[in-house]
Amino acid sequence: MFSHVTVGAADIDRAAAFYAVVFEPLGLVLGHREPVLARFSRVGQDLPFFTVLKPLDDAAATVGNGCMIALVADDRVTVRAVYENALKQGGTCEGPPGLR
């Protein structure tokens, strides 16, 4: 069900070292590294993955800034239905569903 989880961090090197140890028992390894992010997954698997990154707005990495949880859906109709249900329940939109 989960595609990926993203959390924010101010110091990517420190966060990458932290999560490398934390995720070792789960078989998650650092598979992709850039100056602004570190991505962990199981060897040979694209999904699911866990990414720690600097928030895109350059603001501090705090609760809710830099976080994302992505879900897998069968098709775009299902994605749209989930989005509309979230809005009906009082959710807010930072951008409608679409290809990124």
N, C-alpha and C. Protein backbone atom coordinates (compact mmCIF):
# COMPACT_ATOMS: atom_id res chain seq x y z
N MET A 1 0.81 -1.18 0.00
CA MET A 1 0.00 0.00 0.00
C MET A 1 0.86 1.26 0.00
N PHE A 2 1.93 1.29 0.78
CA PHE A 2 2.78 2.47 0.80
C PHE A 2 3.82 2.39 -0.30
N SER A 3 3.96 3.47 -1.00
CA SER A 3 4.99 3.59 -2.02
C SER A 3 6.27 4.10 -1.38
N HIS A 4 6.16 5.25 -0.70
CA HIS A 4 7.33 5.80 -0.04
C HIS A 4 6.93 6.75 1.08
N VAL A 5 7.88 6.98 1.95
CA VAL A 5 7.73 7.93 3.05
C VAL A 5 8.89 8.90 2.96
N THR A 6 8.62 10.18 3.14
CA THR A 6 9.65 11.21 3.09
C THR A 6 9.59 12.02 4.37
N VAL A 7 10.75 12.25 4.97
CA VAL A 7 10.84 13.11 6.15
C VAL A 7 11.91 14.16 5.90
N GLY A 8 11.78 15.29 6.56
CA GLY A 8 12.73 16.38 6.40
C GLY A 8 13.85 16.31 7.42
N ALA A 9 14.99 16.85 7.03
CA ALA A 9 16.14 16.94 7.93
C ALA A 9 17.01 18.11 7.49
N ALA A 10 17.63 18.78 8.44
CA ALA A 10 18.51 19.90 8.15
C ALA A 10 19.90 19.42 7.74
N ASP A 11 20.35 18.32 8.33
CA ASP A 11 21.70 17.80 8.09
C ASP A 11 21.58 16.41 7.47
N ILE A 12 21.67 16.35 6.14
CA ILE A 12 21.45 15.09 5.43
C ILE A 12 22.53 14.07 5.75
N ASP A 13 23.78 14.49 5.88
CA ASP A 13 24.86 13.54 6.21
C ASP A 13 24.59 12.87 7.55
N ARG A 14 24.23 13.65 8.52
CA ARG A 14 23.95 13.12 9.86
C ARG A 14 22.72 12.20 9.83
N ALA A 15 21.68 12.64 9.13
CA ALA A 15 20.45 11.84 9.04
C ALA A 15 20.71 10.53 8.31
N ALA A 16 21.49 10.58 7.23
CA ALA A 16 21.79 9.36 6.46
C ALA A 16 22.54 8.36 7.33
N ALA A 17 23.50 8.84 8.11
CA ALA A 17 24.25 7.95 9.00
C ALA A 17 23.32 7.36 10.07
N PHE A 18 22.43 8.16 10.60
CA PHE A 18 21.47 7.71 11.62
C PHE A 18 20.56 6.61 11.06
N TYR A 19 19.92 6.89 9.92
CA TYR A 19 18.97 5.93 9.36
C TYR A 19 19.65 4.68 8.84
N ALA A 20 20.90 4.78 8.39
CA ALA A 20 21.62 3.59 7.93
C ALA A 20 21.71 2.56 9.05
N VAL A 21 21.95 3.02 10.26
CA VAL A 21 22.04 2.11 11.41
C VAL A 21 20.64 1.66 11.83
N VAL A 22 19.71 2.59 11.89
CA VAL A 22 18.34 2.27 12.32
C VAL A 22 17.71 1.22 11.40
N PHE A 23 17.88 1.37 10.09
CA PHE A 23 17.21 0.50 9.12
C PHE A 23 17.93 -0.81 8.84
N GLU A 24 19.14 -0.97 9.34
CA GLU A 24 19.91 -2.18 9.06
C GLU A 24 19.14 -3.46 9.36
N PRO A 25 18.47 -3.58 10.53
CA PRO A 25 17.73 -4.82 10.82
C PRO A 25 16.56 -5.07 9.85
N LEU A 26 16.09 -4.01 9.19
CA LEU A 26 14.98 -4.14 8.25
C LEU A 26 15.45 -4.48 6.84
N GLY A 27 16.75 -4.47 6.62
CA GLY A 27 17.27 -4.75 5.30
C GLY A 27 17.21 -3.58 4.35
N LEU A 28 16.98 -2.37 4.89
CA LEU A 28 16.96 -1.17 4.07
C LEU A 28 18.37 -0.58 4.03
N VAL A 29 18.85 -0.29 2.83
CA VAL A 29 20.20 0.25 2.68
C VAL A 29 20.14 1.56 1.89
N LEU A 30 21.16 2.37 2.08
CA LEU A 30 21.26 3.62 1.35
C LEU A 30 21.52 3.30 -0.11
N GLY A 31 20.55 3.63 -0.96
CA GLY A 31 20.67 3.28 -2.36
C GLY A 31 20.85 4.47 -3.28
N HIS A 32 20.47 5.66 -2.82
CA HIS A 32 20.59 6.86 -3.65
C HIS A 32 20.94 8.02 -2.74
N ARG A 33 21.96 8.77 -3.14
CA ARG A 33 22.41 9.89 -2.30
C ARG A 33 22.68 11.10 -3.17
N GLU A 34 22.16 12.23 -2.77
CA GLU A 34 22.43 13.52 -3.39
C GLU A 34 22.71 14.50 -2.26
N PRO A 35 23.20 15.69 -2.56
CA PRO A 35 23.47 16.65 -1.48
C PRO A 35 22.23 16.99 -0.64
N VAL A 36 21.04 16.90 -1.24
CA VAL A 36 19.83 17.28 -0.52
C VAL A 36 18.96 16.11 -0.08
N LEU A 37 19.39 14.87 -0.37
CA LEU A 37 18.56 13.74 0.04
C LEU A 37 19.35 12.45 0.16
N ALA A 38 18.77 11.53 0.92
CA ALA A 38 19.29 10.16 1.04
C ALA A 38 18.08 9.24 0.97
N ARG A 39 18.15 8.21 0.11
CA ARG A 39 17.02 7.30 -0.08
C ARG A 39 17.43 5.89 0.28
N PHE A 40 16.59 5.24 1.08
CA PHE A 40 16.83 3.88 1.55
C PHE A 40 15.77 2.94 0.99
N SER A 41 16.21 1.75 0.57
CA SER A 41 15.28 0.72 0.12
C SER A 41 15.97 -0.63 0.27
N ARG A 42 15.23 -1.69 -0.04
CA ARG A 42 15.83 -3.02 -0.04
C ARG A 42 16.61 -3.21 -1.34
N VAL A 43 17.70 -3.90 -1.28
CA VAL A 43 18.52 -4.14 -2.47
C VAL A 43 17.68 -4.82 -3.54
N GLY A 44 17.69 -4.26 -4.74
CA GLY A 44 16.96 -4.84 -5.86
C GLY A 44 15.49 -4.49 -5.91
N GLN A 45 14.99 -3.67 -4.99
CA GLN A 45 13.57 -3.29 -4.98
C GLN A 45 13.45 -1.78 -5.10
N ASP A 46 12.57 -1.34 -5.98
CA ASP A 46 12.33 0.09 -6.13
C ASP A 46 11.37 0.62 -5.06
N LEU A 47 10.38 -0.19 -4.71
CA LEU A 47 9.36 0.22 -3.74
C LEU A 47 9.22 -0.82 -2.66
N PRO A 48 8.87 -0.44 -1.49
CA PRO A 48 8.76 0.93 -1.00
C PRO A 48 10.13 1.51 -0.68
N PHE A 49 10.19 2.83 -0.52
CA PHE A 49 11.44 3.45 -0.12
C PHE A 49 11.20 4.54 0.91
N PHE A 50 12.25 4.91 1.61
CA PHE A 50 12.23 5.93 2.65
C PHE A 50 13.25 6.98 2.26
N THR A 51 12.83 8.24 2.19
CA THR A 51 13.74 9.32 1.82
C THR A 51 13.79 10.37 2.93
N VAL A 52 14.99 10.79 3.25
CA VAL A 52 15.19 11.94 4.13
C VAL A 52 15.77 13.04 3.27
N LEU A 53 15.17 14.24 3.35
CA LEU A 53 15.62 15.32 2.48
C LEU A 53 15.49 16.67 3.13
N LYS A 54 16.18 17.64 2.56
CA LYS A 54 16.02 19.02 2.99
C LYS A 54 14.70 19.52 2.42
N PRO A 55 13.88 20.21 3.23
CA PRO A 55 12.60 20.71 2.71
C PRO A 55 12.81 21.57 1.46
N LEU A 56 11.93 21.40 0.49
CA LEU A 56 12.05 22.10 -0.79
C LEU A 56 11.92 23.60 -0.67
N ASP A 57 11.23 24.09 0.39
CA ASP A 57 11.05 25.53 0.54
C ASP A 57 12.20 26.20 1.29
N ASP A 58 13.24 25.43 1.59
CA ASP A 58 14.42 25.92 2.31
C ASP A 58 14.14 26.39 3.73
N ALA A 59 12.92 26.16 4.22
CA ALA A 59 12.60 26.47 5.61
C ALA A 59 13.14 25.36 6.50
N ALA A 60 13.07 25.57 7.79
CA ALA A 60 13.56 24.57 8.74
C ALA A 60 12.80 23.25 8.60
N ALA A 61 13.51 22.15 8.79
CA ALA A 61 12.88 20.84 8.79
C ALA A 61 12.22 20.65 10.15
N THR A 62 10.94 20.85 10.21
CA THR A 62 10.17 20.73 11.45
C THR A 62 9.00 19.79 11.21
N VAL A 63 8.25 19.52 12.24
CA VAL A 63 7.08 18.67 12.10
C VAL A 63 6.20 19.20 10.98
N GLY A 64 5.95 18.39 9.99
CA GLY A 64 5.08 18.77 8.89
C GLY A 64 5.79 19.44 7.73
N ASN A 65 7.06 19.84 7.88
CA ASN A 65 7.78 20.45 6.77
C ASN A 65 8.85 19.47 6.30
N GLY A 66 8.67 18.96 5.12
CA GLY A 66 9.58 17.96 4.58
C GLY A 66 9.01 16.56 4.63
N CYS A 67 7.81 16.40 5.20
CA CYS A 67 7.21 15.08 5.35
C CYS A 67 6.27 14.77 4.19
N MET A 68 6.27 13.53 3.76
CA MET A 68 5.33 13.06 2.76
C MET A 68 5.16 11.55 2.92
N ILE A 69 3.94 11.11 2.77
CA ILE A 69 3.66 9.69 2.71
C ILE A 69 2.91 9.46 1.40
N ALA A 70 3.41 8.57 0.56
CA ALA A 70 2.79 8.30 -0.73
C ALA A 70 2.16 6.91 -0.71
N LEU A 71 0.98 6.82 -1.29
CA LEU A 71 0.25 5.57 -1.35
C LEU A 71 0.19 5.06 -2.79
N VAL A 72 0.13 3.77 -2.95
CA VAL A 72 0.01 3.16 -4.27
C VAL A 72 -1.47 3.00 -4.61
N ALA A 73 -1.86 3.40 -5.81
CA ALA A 73 -3.23 3.23 -6.28
C ALA A 73 -3.20 2.53 -7.63
N ASP A 74 -4.30 1.85 -7.96
CA ASP A 74 -4.35 1.08 -9.20
C ASP A 74 -4.41 1.95 -10.46
N ASP A 75 -5.03 3.15 -10.33
CA ASP A 75 -5.19 3.99 -11.51
C ASP A 75 -5.46 5.43 -11.08
N ARG A 76 -5.50 6.32 -12.06
CA ARG A 76 -5.69 7.74 -11.76
C ARG A 76 -7.09 8.06 -11.25
N VAL A 77 -8.06 7.27 -11.65
CA VAL A 77 -9.43 7.45 -11.15
C VAL A 77 -9.45 7.24 -9.64
N THR A 78 -8.76 6.22 -9.17
CA THR A 78 -8.68 5.95 -7.74
C THR A 78 -7.95 7.08 -7.02
N VAL A 79 -6.86 7.56 -7.61
CA VAL A 79 -6.12 8.68 -7.02
C VAL A 79 -7.04 9.88 -6.85
N ARG A 80 -7.79 10.21 -7.88
CA ARG A 80 -8.70 11.36 -7.83
C ARG A 80 -9.76 11.16 -6.76
N ALA A 81 -10.29 9.95 -6.62
CA ALA A 81 -11.31 9.67 -5.61
C ALA A 81 -10.75 9.85 -4.20
N VAL A 82 -9.53 9.38 -3.96
CA VAL A 82 -8.90 9.55 -2.64
C VAL A 82 -8.71 11.03 -2.35
N TYR A 83 -8.22 11.77 -3.32
CA TYR A 83 -8.00 13.21 -3.19
C TYR A 83 -9.31 13.93 -2.85
N GLU A 84 -10.35 13.65 -3.59
CA GLU A 84 -11.64 14.30 -3.35
C GLU A 84 -12.21 13.93 -1.99
N ASN A 85 -12.06 12.68 -1.58
CA ASN A 85 -12.52 12.27 -0.25
C ASN A 85 -11.77 13.02 0.84
N ALA A 86 -10.46 13.19 0.66
CA ALA A 86 -9.66 13.91 1.66
C ALA A 86 -10.14 15.35 1.78
N LEU A 87 -10.42 16.00 0.67
CA LEU A 87 -10.93 17.37 0.71
C LEU A 87 -12.30 17.44 1.39
N LYS A 88 -13.16 16.47 1.10
CA LYS A 88 -14.49 16.44 1.72
C LYS A 88 -14.40 16.27 3.23
N GLN A 89 -13.35 15.62 3.69
CA GLN A 89 -13.17 15.39 5.13
C GLN A 89 -12.44 16.56 5.81
N GLY A 90 -12.20 17.62 5.08
CA GLY A 90 -11.56 18.80 5.67
C GLY A 90 -10.08 18.93 5.37
N GLY A 91 -9.55 18.03 4.55
CA GLY A 91 -8.14 18.13 4.18
C GLY A 91 -7.88 19.37 3.34
N THR A 92 -6.65 19.79 3.29
CA THR A 92 -6.28 20.94 2.47
C THR A 92 -5.39 20.47 1.31
N CYS A 93 -5.30 21.31 0.30
CA CYS A 93 -4.57 20.94 -0.92
C CYS A 93 -3.36 21.83 -1.12
N GLU A 94 -2.22 21.21 -1.33
CA GLU A 94 -1.00 21.94 -1.70
C GLU A 94 -0.70 21.73 -3.18
N GLY A 95 -1.63 21.14 -3.89
CA GLY A 95 -1.48 20.86 -5.32
C GLY A 95 -2.27 19.60 -5.64
N PRO A 96 -3.10 19.67 -6.69
CA PRO A 96 -3.93 18.51 -7.03
C PRO A 96 -3.10 17.34 -7.53
N PRO A 97 -3.70 16.14 -7.55
CA PRO A 97 -2.97 14.97 -8.04
C PRO A 97 -2.56 15.17 -9.50
N GLY A 98 -1.43 14.61 -9.83
CA GLY A 98 -0.94 14.68 -11.19
C GLY A 98 0.45 14.09 -11.26
N LEU A 99 0.93 13.93 -12.45
CA LEU A 99 2.28 13.39 -12.64
C LEU A 99 3.29 14.41 -12.15
N ARG A 100 4.30 13.93 -11.45
CA ARG A 100 5.34 14.82 -10.94
C ARG A 100 6.65 14.49 -11.61
